[in-house]
Protein backbone atom coordinates (compact mmCIF):
# COMPACT_ATOMS: atom_id res chain seq x y z
CA UNK A 1 98.42 -42.00 79.69
CA UNK A 2 95.33 -40.36 81.29
CA UNK A 3 92.09 -42.30 81.37
CA UNK A 4 89.19 -41.31 79.11
CA UNK A 5 86.77 -42.06 81.98
CA UNK A 6 85.66 -38.64 83.35
CA UNK A 7 84.88 -40.16 86.75
CA UNK A 8 88.54 -40.98 87.24
CA UNK A 9 89.70 -37.41 86.58
CA UNK A 10 90.06 -35.45 89.84
CA UNK A 11 88.44 -32.04 90.04
CA UNK A 12 90.65 -29.38 91.60
CA UNK A 13 89.84 -26.03 93.21
CA UNK A 14 91.29 -23.77 95.85
CA UNK A 15 88.54 -24.67 98.34
CA UNK A 16 85.90 -27.39 98.68
CA UNK A 17 82.80 -26.78 100.80
CA UNK A 18 80.84 -29.92 101.67
CA UNK A 19 77.14 -29.31 102.27
CA UNK A 20 74.98 -26.49 100.90
CA UNK A 21 73.07 -25.69 104.06
CA UNK A 22 73.15 -22.18 105.55
CA UNK A 23 76.81 -22.36 106.61
CA UNK A 24 78.05 -24.00 103.40
CA UNK A 25 76.04 -21.91 100.94
CA UNK A 26 76.97 -18.60 102.56
CA UNK A 27 80.63 -19.56 102.97
CA UNK A 28 80.91 -20.64 99.33
CA UNK A 29 79.39 -17.33 98.29
CA UNK A 30 81.83 -15.37 100.47
CA UNK A 31 84.82 -17.30 99.12
CA UNK A 32 83.71 -16.83 95.52
CA UNK A 33 83.22 -13.11 96.16
CA UNK A 34 86.84 -12.92 97.30
CA UNK A 35 87.93 -14.47 94.03
CA UNK A 36 88.58 -17.95 95.43
CA UNK A 37 87.86 -20.91 93.16
CA UNK A 38 85.39 -22.85 95.30
CA UNK A 39 83.38 -26.01 94.68
CA UNK A 40 80.23 -26.52 96.74
CA UNK A 41 79.15 -30.16 97.03
CA UNK A 42 75.52 -30.90 97.90
CA UNK A 43 74.06 -34.37 98.40
CA UNK A 44 70.52 -33.44 97.36
CA UNK A 45 69.42 -32.23 93.93
CA UNK A 46 67.28 -29.49 95.49
CA UNK A 47 66.91 -27.80 98.88
CA UNK A 48 63.49 -29.14 99.85
CA UNK A 49 63.50 -30.98 103.16
CA UNK A 50 60.89 -32.37 105.52
CA UNK A 51 62.31 -30.18 108.25
CA UNK A 52 64.55 -27.15 108.03
CA UNK A 53 64.94 -24.31 110.49
CA UNK A 54 63.04 -21.25 109.26
CA UNK A 55 63.34 -18.76 112.12
CA UNK A 56 65.98 -16.14 111.43
CA UNK A 57 66.99 -14.11 114.45
CA UNK A 58 68.52 -10.63 114.17
CA UNK A 59 71.96 -12.27 114.55
CA UNK A 60 71.41 -14.38 111.43
CA UNK A 61 69.74 -11.58 109.47
CA UNK A 62 72.68 -9.30 110.24
CA UNK A 63 75.09 -11.94 108.94
CA UNK A 64 73.28 -11.97 105.59
CA UNK A 65 73.28 -8.17 105.52
CA UNK A 66 77.01 -8.16 106.27
CA UNK A 67 77.53 -10.50 103.31
CA UNK A 68 75.97 -7.94 100.97
CA UNK A 69 72.74 -9.90 100.50
CA UNK A 70 70.33 -7.48 102.19
CA UNK A 71 68.35 -6.58 99.07
CA UNK A 72 68.08 -10.15 97.81
CA UNK A 73 67.19 -11.42 101.28
CA UNK A 74 64.49 -8.78 101.74
CA UNK A 75 62.87 -9.90 98.49
CA UNK A 76 62.37 -13.46 99.78
CA UNK A 77 58.96 -14.56 101.06
CA UNK A 78 58.91 -14.05 104.79
CA UNK A 79 56.65 -13.76 107.79
CA UNK A 80 57.17 -11.31 110.63
CA UNK A 81 56.58 -12.29 114.25
CA UNK A 82 55.18 -9.27 116.06
CA UNK A 83 54.41 -10.98 119.35
CA UNK A 84 55.33 -14.10 121.29
CA UNK A 85 52.81 -15.27 123.88
CA UNK A 86 53.31 -17.74 126.71
CA UNK A 87 50.23 -19.66 127.84
CA UNK A 88 49.39 -22.09 130.60
CA UNK A 89 46.46 -24.01 129.13
CA UNK A 90 43.64 -21.42 128.86
CA UNK A 91 45.49 -18.62 130.59
CA UNK A 92 47.93 -16.27 128.92
CA UNK A 93 50.85 -15.67 131.27
CA UNK A 94 52.83 -13.09 129.35
CA UNK A 95 52.94 -11.41 125.97
CA UNK A 96 56.31 -10.26 124.63
CA UNK A 97 56.15 -7.65 121.84
CA UNK A 98 58.90 -7.90 119.23
CA UNK A 99 57.94 -5.00 116.98
CA UNK A 100 60.05 -2.51 118.95
CA UNK A 101 63.40 -4.28 118.54
CA UNK A 102 65.82 -3.15 115.83
CA UNK A 103 65.48 -6.30 113.74
CA UNK A 104 62.49 -8.55 114.26
CA UNK A 105 62.84 -12.31 113.91
CA UNK A 106 61.66 -13.44 110.49
CA UNK A 107 60.33 -16.78 109.33
CA UNK A 108 61.86 -17.49 105.92
CA UNK A 109 61.57 -20.70 103.88
CA UNK A 110 65.10 -22.07 104.02
CA UNK A 111 64.93 -23.62 100.56
CA UNK A 112 64.20 -20.22 99.01
CA UNK A 113 67.01 -18.61 100.99
CA UNK A 114 69.57 -21.23 99.95
CA UNK A 115 68.58 -20.99 96.29
CA UNK A 116 69.03 -17.24 96.51
CA UNK A 117 72.51 -17.53 98.03
CA UNK A 118 73.82 -20.05 95.49
CA UNK A 119 72.33 -18.01 92.64
CA UNK A 120 74.29 -14.99 93.88
CA UNK A 121 77.43 -17.10 94.26
CA UNK A 122 77.03 -18.34 90.68
CA UNK A 123 77.59 -14.77 89.45
CA UNK A 124 81.27 -15.19 90.32
CA UNK A 125 83.41 -17.14 87.83
CA UNK A 126 85.20 -19.24 90.45
CA UNK A 127 82.05 -20.79 91.93
CA UNK A 128 80.81 -24.27 91.07
CA UNK A 129 77.86 -26.11 92.62
CA UNK A 130 77.73 -29.90 92.28
CA UNK A 131 74.25 -31.13 93.21
CA UNK A 132 73.51 -34.79 93.75
CA UNK A 133 77.05 -35.39 95.01
CA UNK A 134 77.44 -37.56 98.10
CA UNK A 135 80.78 -37.29 99.86
CA UNK A 136 81.97 -40.66 101.12
CA UNK A 137 85.47 -40.10 102.45
CA UNK A 138 88.43 -37.78 102.85
CA UNK A 139 91.54 -37.88 100.69
CA UNK A 140 94.73 -37.46 102.71
CA UNK A 141 98.35 -37.21 101.66
CA UNK A 142 101.29 -36.82 104.04
CA UNK A 143 98.92 -36.50 107.03
CA UNK A 144 97.01 -33.64 105.39
CA UNK A 145 93.50 -33.55 103.92
CA UNK A 146 93.74 -32.66 100.24
CA UNK A 147 90.21 -33.42 99.06
CA UNK A 148 87.17 -35.66 99.26
CA UNK A 149 85.96 -38.78 97.51
CA UNK A 150 82.34 -38.66 96.37
CA UNK A 151 79.64 -40.42 94.40
CA UNK A 152 78.09 -38.39 91.59
CA UNK A 153 75.40 -39.05 89.01
CA UNK A 154 78.14 -40.15 86.61
CA UNK A 155 80.03 -42.32 89.08
CA UNK A 156 82.78 -41.97 91.73
CA UNK A 157 84.83 -38.80 91.59
CA UNK A 158 87.66 -37.19 93.53
CA UNK A 159 87.53 -33.49 94.38
CA UNK A 160 90.83 -31.93 95.45
CA UNK A 161 91.60 -28.53 96.94
CA UNK A 162 93.99 -26.53 99.08
CA UNK A 163 91.45 -26.68 101.90
CA UNK A 164 88.24 -28.57 102.74
CA UNK A 165 85.47 -27.05 104.85
CA UNK A 166 82.77 -29.46 106.05
CA UNK A 167 79.30 -27.99 106.52
CA UNK A 168 77.44 -31.27 106.11
CA UNK A 169 75.23 -31.01 109.16
CA UNK A 170 74.46 -32.90 112.33
CA UNK A 171 74.99 -36.30 110.61
CA UNK A 172 78.29 -35.16 109.09
CA UNK A 173 80.16 -37.85 107.16
CA UNK A 174 83.31 -35.75 107.38
CA UNK A 175 83.09 -35.67 111.17
CA UNK A 176 82.83 -39.46 111.25
CA UNK A 177 85.73 -39.97 108.84
CA UNK A 178 87.96 -37.49 110.67
CA UNK A 179 87.09 -39.10 114.05
CA UNK A 180 87.21 -35.86 116.02
CA UNK A 181 86.51 -36.23 119.77
CA UNK A 182 83.23 -34.66 120.81
CA UNK A 183 81.30 -33.78 123.94
CA UNK A 184 77.60 -34.64 123.98
CA UNK A 185 75.19 -32.75 126.20
CA UNK A 186 72.52 -35.27 127.09
CA UNK A 187 68.99 -34.29 126.05
CA UNK A 188 65.87 -35.69 127.66
CA UNK A 189 63.41 -34.61 124.98
CA UNK A 190 62.62 -34.75 121.28
CA UNK A 191 60.32 -32.59 119.16
CA UNK A 192 57.43 -33.86 117.07
CA UNK A 193 56.77 -31.53 114.12
CA UNK A 194 53.79 -31.04 111.88
CA UNK A 195 52.10 -28.26 109.95
CA UNK A 196 48.52 -27.15 109.31
CA UNK A 197 47.46 -25.18 106.20
CA UNK A 198 46.00 -21.77 106.95
CA UNK A 199 46.76 -19.19 109.61
CA UNK A 200 45.77 -19.18 113.26
CA UNK A 201 44.96 -15.68 114.56
CA UNK A 202 46.45 -12.98 112.32
CA UNK A 203 49.54 -14.88 111.22
CA UNK A 204 51.94 -12.66 113.16
CA UNK A 205 51.78 -14.25 116.60
CA UNK A 206 53.77 -17.18 117.92
CA UNK A 207 52.60 -19.03 121.00
CA UNK A 208 54.06 -21.46 123.50
CA UNK A 209 51.91 -23.55 125.85
CA UNK A 210 53.55 -24.94 128.93
CA UNK A 211 52.44 -27.28 131.64
CA UNK A 212 53.91 -29.73 134.06
CA UNK A 213 56.05 -31.95 131.88
CA UNK A 214 55.08 -30.66 128.42
CA UNK A 215 55.54 -27.76 126.00
CA UNK A 216 53.83 -26.96 122.70
CA UNK A 217 54.66 -24.13 120.34
CA UNK A 218 53.01 -22.88 117.18
CA UNK A 219 54.04 -20.17 114.73
CA UNK A 220 53.16 -19.04 111.19
CA UNK A 221 55.09 -19.80 108.02
CA UNK A 222 55.12 -17.51 104.95
CA UNK A 223 53.97 -20.53 102.95
CA UNK A 224 50.51 -20.06 104.41
CA UNK A 225 50.56 -22.63 107.20
CA UNK A 226 51.18 -23.02 110.91
CA UNK A 227 54.16 -24.98 112.16
CA UNK A 228 53.42 -27.01 115.29
CA UNK A 229 56.03 -28.45 117.64
CA UNK A 230 55.30 -30.75 120.58
CA UNK A 231 57.95 -31.60 123.17
CA UNK A 232 57.98 -35.28 124.10
CA UNK A 233 60.17 -37.45 126.28
CA UNK A 234 63.10 -38.77 124.28
CA UNK A 235 62.43 -42.19 122.87
CA UNK A 236 58.63 -42.02 123.02
CA UNK A 237 57.97 -41.07 119.38
CA UNK A 238 56.82 -44.59 118.59
CA UNK A 239 53.72 -44.04 120.70
CA UNK A 240 52.95 -40.74 118.94
CA UNK A 241 53.45 -42.28 115.50
CA UNK A 242 50.94 -45.03 116.29
CA UNK A 243 48.38 -42.38 117.19
CA UNK A 244 48.63 -40.67 113.79
CA UNK A 245 47.65 -37.05 113.19
CA UNK A 246 44.19 -37.41 114.76
CA UNK A 247 45.54 -39.03 117.89
CA UNK A 248 48.27 -36.41 118.11
CA UNK A 249 45.68 -33.61 118.08
CA UNK A 250 43.68 -35.40 120.78
CA UNK A 251 46.83 -35.65 122.90
CA UNK A 252 47.67 -31.94 122.50
CA UNK A 253 44.19 -30.40 122.74
CA UNK A 254 43.71 -30.55 126.54
CA UNK A 255 46.85 -28.47 127.06
CA UNK A 256 45.98 -25.45 124.88
CA UNK A 257 43.55 -22.53 124.90
CA UNK A 258 40.04 -22.78 123.50
CA UNK A 259 40.81 -20.82 120.32
CA UNK A 260 43.75 -23.06 119.42
CA UNK A 261 41.78 -26.17 120.35
CA UNK A 262 39.06 -25.04 117.93
CA UNK A 263 41.70 -24.44 115.21
CA UNK A 264 43.07 -27.95 115.76
CA UNK A 265 39.63 -29.52 115.61
CA UNK A 266 38.58 -27.66 112.45
CA UNK A 267 41.81 -28.76 110.74
CA UNK A 268 41.93 -32.29 112.09
CA UNK A 269 42.17 -33.81 108.61
CA UNK A 270 44.71 -31.26 107.34
CA UNK A 271 47.49 -31.77 109.88
CA UNK A 272 50.51 -33.25 108.14
CA UNK A 273 51.63 -36.60 109.49
CA UNK A 274 53.86 -35.87 112.50
CA UNK A 275 57.58 -36.48 112.13
CA UNK A 276 60.42 -36.55 114.63
CA UNK A 277 63.28 -34.17 115.23
CA UNK A 278 65.76 -36.19 117.26
CA UNK A 279 67.19 -33.54 119.56
CA UNK A 280 70.95 -33.65 119.99
CA UNK A 281 73.38 -31.08 121.32
CA UNK A 282 77.10 -31.68 120.84
CA UNK A 283 80.34 -29.87 120.19
CA UNK A 284 83.64 -31.07 118.88
CA UNK A 285 86.63 -30.32 121.07
CA UNK A 286 88.62 -29.64 117.91
CA UNK A 287 87.05 -28.38 114.68
CA UNK A 288 90.14 -28.57 112.54
CA UNK A 289 92.91 -30.84 111.29
CA UNK A 290 95.60 -30.11 108.66
CA UNK A 291 93.71 -29.10 105.52
CA UNK A 292 90.26 -29.49 107.11
CA UNK A 293 87.74 -27.41 109.07
CA UNK A 294 84.24 -28.23 110.32
CA UNK A 295 81.66 -25.50 111.02
CA UNK A 296 77.91 -25.26 111.64
CA UNK A 297 76.09 -28.36 112.82
CA UNK A 298 78.99 -30.49 111.59
CA UNK A 299 81.09 -29.02 114.42
CA UNK A 300 78.43 -28.21 117.01
CA UNK A 301 74.90 -29.61 116.51
CA UNK A 302 72.53 -27.25 118.30
CA UNK A 303 69.42 -27.97 120.33
CA UNK A 304 66.27 -26.47 118.71
CA UNK A 305 65.76 -24.28 121.79
CA UNK A 306 65.80 -20.63 120.75
CA UNK A 307 65.95 -21.44 117.02
CA UNK A 308 69.73 -21.09 116.93
CA UNK A 309 71.03 -23.66 114.42
CA UNK A 310 70.61 -21.61 111.26
CA UNK A 311 71.73 -18.37 112.92
CA UNK A 312 74.99 -19.62 114.43
CA UNK A 313 75.72 -21.42 111.14
CA UNK A 314 75.48 -18.15 109.21
CA UNK A 315 77.72 -16.46 111.77
CA UNK A 316 80.22 -19.33 111.49
CA UNK A 317 80.33 -18.69 107.75
CA UNK A 318 81.10 -14.98 108.22
CA UNK A 319 84.00 -15.70 110.57
CA UNK A 320 85.31 -18.48 108.32
CA UNK A 321 85.13 -16.13 105.33
CA UNK A 322 87.18 -13.58 107.27
CA UNK A 323 90.00 -15.92 108.26
CA UNK A 324 90.19 -18.66 105.65
CA UNK A 325 88.81 -16.55 102.83
CA UNK A 326 91.61 -14.06 103.18
CA UNK A 327 94.28 -16.73 103.61
CA UNK A 328 93.16 -18.78 100.59
CA UNK A 329 92.76 -15.70 98.40
CA UNK A 330 96.34 -14.69 99.26
CA UNK A 331 97.53 -18.18 98.27
CA UNK A 332 98.98 -18.71 101.72
CA UNK A 333 101.03 -21.80 102.52
CA UNK A 334 99.57 -24.83 104.33
CA UNK A 335 100.73 -23.73 107.78
CA UNK A 336 99.06 -20.33 107.38
CA UNK A 337 95.79 -21.93 106.24
CA UNK A 338 95.80 -24.26 109.25
CA UNK A 339 96.53 -21.34 111.57
CA UNK A 340 93.57 -19.44 110.10
CA UNK A 341 91.31 -22.46 110.67
CA UNK A 342 92.33 -22.68 114.32
CA UNK A 343 91.56 -18.98 114.75
CA UNK A 344 88.01 -19.62 113.51
CA UNK A 345 87.32 -22.09 116.30
CA UNK A 346 88.94 -19.78 118.84
CA UNK A 347 86.69 -16.90 117.78
CA UNK A 348 83.47 -18.89 117.59
CA UNK A 349 83.95 -21.13 120.64
CA UNK A 350 82.76 -18.66 123.36
CA UNK A 351 79.45 -18.00 121.61
CA UNK A 352 78.75 -21.65 120.83
CA UNK A 353 79.45 -22.79 124.40
CA UNK A 354 77.38 -19.97 125.91
CA UNK A 355 74.37 -20.56 123.67
CA UNK A 356 74.45 -24.35 124.07
CA UNK A 357 74.60 -23.94 127.84
CA UNK A 358 71.66 -21.50 127.74
CA UNK A 359 69.71 -23.96 125.63
CA UNK A 360 69.73 -26.42 128.50
CA UNK A 361 67.98 -24.05 130.93
CA UNK A 362 64.58 -23.71 129.24
CA UNK A 363 63.68 -27.42 129.00
CA UNK A 364 64.95 -28.12 132.51
CA UNK A 365 62.72 -25.36 133.86
CA UNK A 366 59.65 -25.32 131.60
CA UNK A 367 59.23 -29.02 130.89
CA UNK A 368 60.52 -30.45 134.15
CA UNK A 369 58.48 -31.35 137.21
CA UNK A 370 60.67 -29.34 139.57
CA UNK A 371 59.05 -27.55 142.51
CA UNK A 372 59.65 -24.10 140.99
CA UNK A 373 58.21 -25.20 137.66
CA UNK A 374 55.10 -26.65 139.35
CA UNK A 375 54.57 -23.43 141.31
CA UNK A 376 54.66 -21.24 138.20
CA UNK A 377 52.53 -23.64 136.20
CA UNK A 378 49.85 -24.01 138.88
CA UNK A 379 49.76 -20.59 140.58
CA UNK A 380 47.71 -17.60 139.35
CA UNK A 381 50.03 -14.75 138.42
CA UNK A 382 49.66 -11.23 139.72
CA UNK A 383 50.70 -8.25 137.61
CA UNK A 384 54.09 -7.90 139.31
CA UNK A 385 54.90 -11.55 138.69
CA UNK A 386 53.94 -11.20 135.02
CA UNK A 387 56.19 -8.16 134.65
CA UNK A 388 59.05 -9.97 136.34
CA UNK A 389 58.58 -13.04 134.16
CA UNK A 390 58.38 -10.94 130.97
CA UNK A 391 61.60 -9.11 131.83
CA UNK A 392 63.27 -12.36 132.85
CA UNK A 393 62.45 -14.06 129.56
CA UNK A 394 63.44 -11.00 127.54
CA UNK A 395 66.83 -10.89 129.26
CA UNK A 396 67.44 -14.62 128.95
CA UNK A 397 66.40 -14.61 125.29
CA UNK A 398 68.63 -11.72 124.22
CA UNK A 399 71.67 -13.93 123.37
CA UNK A 400 69.37 -15.99 121.14
CA UNK A 401 68.24 -12.83 119.37
CA UNK A 402 71.54 -11.02 118.94
CA UNK A 403 74.28 -13.55 119.59
CA UNK A 404 76.96 -13.43 122.25
CA UNK A 405 80.04 -12.08 120.45
CA UNK A 406 80.48 -9.48 117.74
CA UNK A 407 80.55 -10.94 114.25
CA UNK A 408 81.38 -8.64 111.36
CA UNK A 409 82.50 -9.34 107.81
CA UNK A 410 85.94 -8.02 106.96
CA UNK A 411 86.25 -6.60 103.48
């Protein structure tokens, strides 16, 4: 006789997506659009976070366009970056215009974007979003994942499905429970983040300040503030935290131009308390097991270099929607679903490896104390050198802008 306790009754759907970040929200939308009954499980009750990536590159914007969300996406609050400038203390080294590329990078509040995607997904009858649901473990039968075990507001609950896709981020519980082997690319730096209300300059320029052993970057947010990032040696955040916001400004000020130093000083009391982004860069050797697939940061946590995390996650979702979406919608057998999942890793692997490798070059060059870095940091630059450096950075940054492989949604 079945129990009257609703927490003991398993919920069943064709697909379960764990984590409503960019990869999970977009994938759930794509599956629902194909007519798949999909349940999206999200630990938080809303999408507000202390830190979320906000920079959408053309590669990520195109993924949203491919998904049929162009009009809704364009209606979101956003800020356009027209120019990126590279400084060495007071001196501007190069200025890279972005207005002439096909799709400019946009700064979009991620919470607003995620709410938009799940609202669009909710228009399909097979979609269900369970907020405030913390996944604790996998459910396996006959060596195959058949669901997840979670805590909800009403108590423990089992969610079962034909296939589980984990998009639960860099601290993925699913990754830990599945015990996939992973390769870690050692990182020697972390990023301290903060924001200042109000705009610096005209609100359309991003700047980076480099020097021997440090890097600072600042860019506008559509929420009417400037985001500030400061590269520090890994493990030294304790010293920064003791300084507080005022001490942090004092530490940064000698390394920036006079106009930014004045902006810092005039907003000394407004700088939000600095917080740490622990930089990691990893990739699983295998993203899939019978009945299970990991994508986004759950499969390959990205370094913040080049603002790639959100963009590759959206592209992961498109490719997953192509392979698994079609297979689940056709009610394929278990072997076919597993084959589709393996094809997703095979298609995405070259881009992830290439971008993660490229992410290691900038910090090693810009923040290191190598001879070449010291020469560029300390030597006045003639016009030819500036042109060379501008073209070099533009070429090196192109994979970050447009991706490495072609990603296109199949109808």
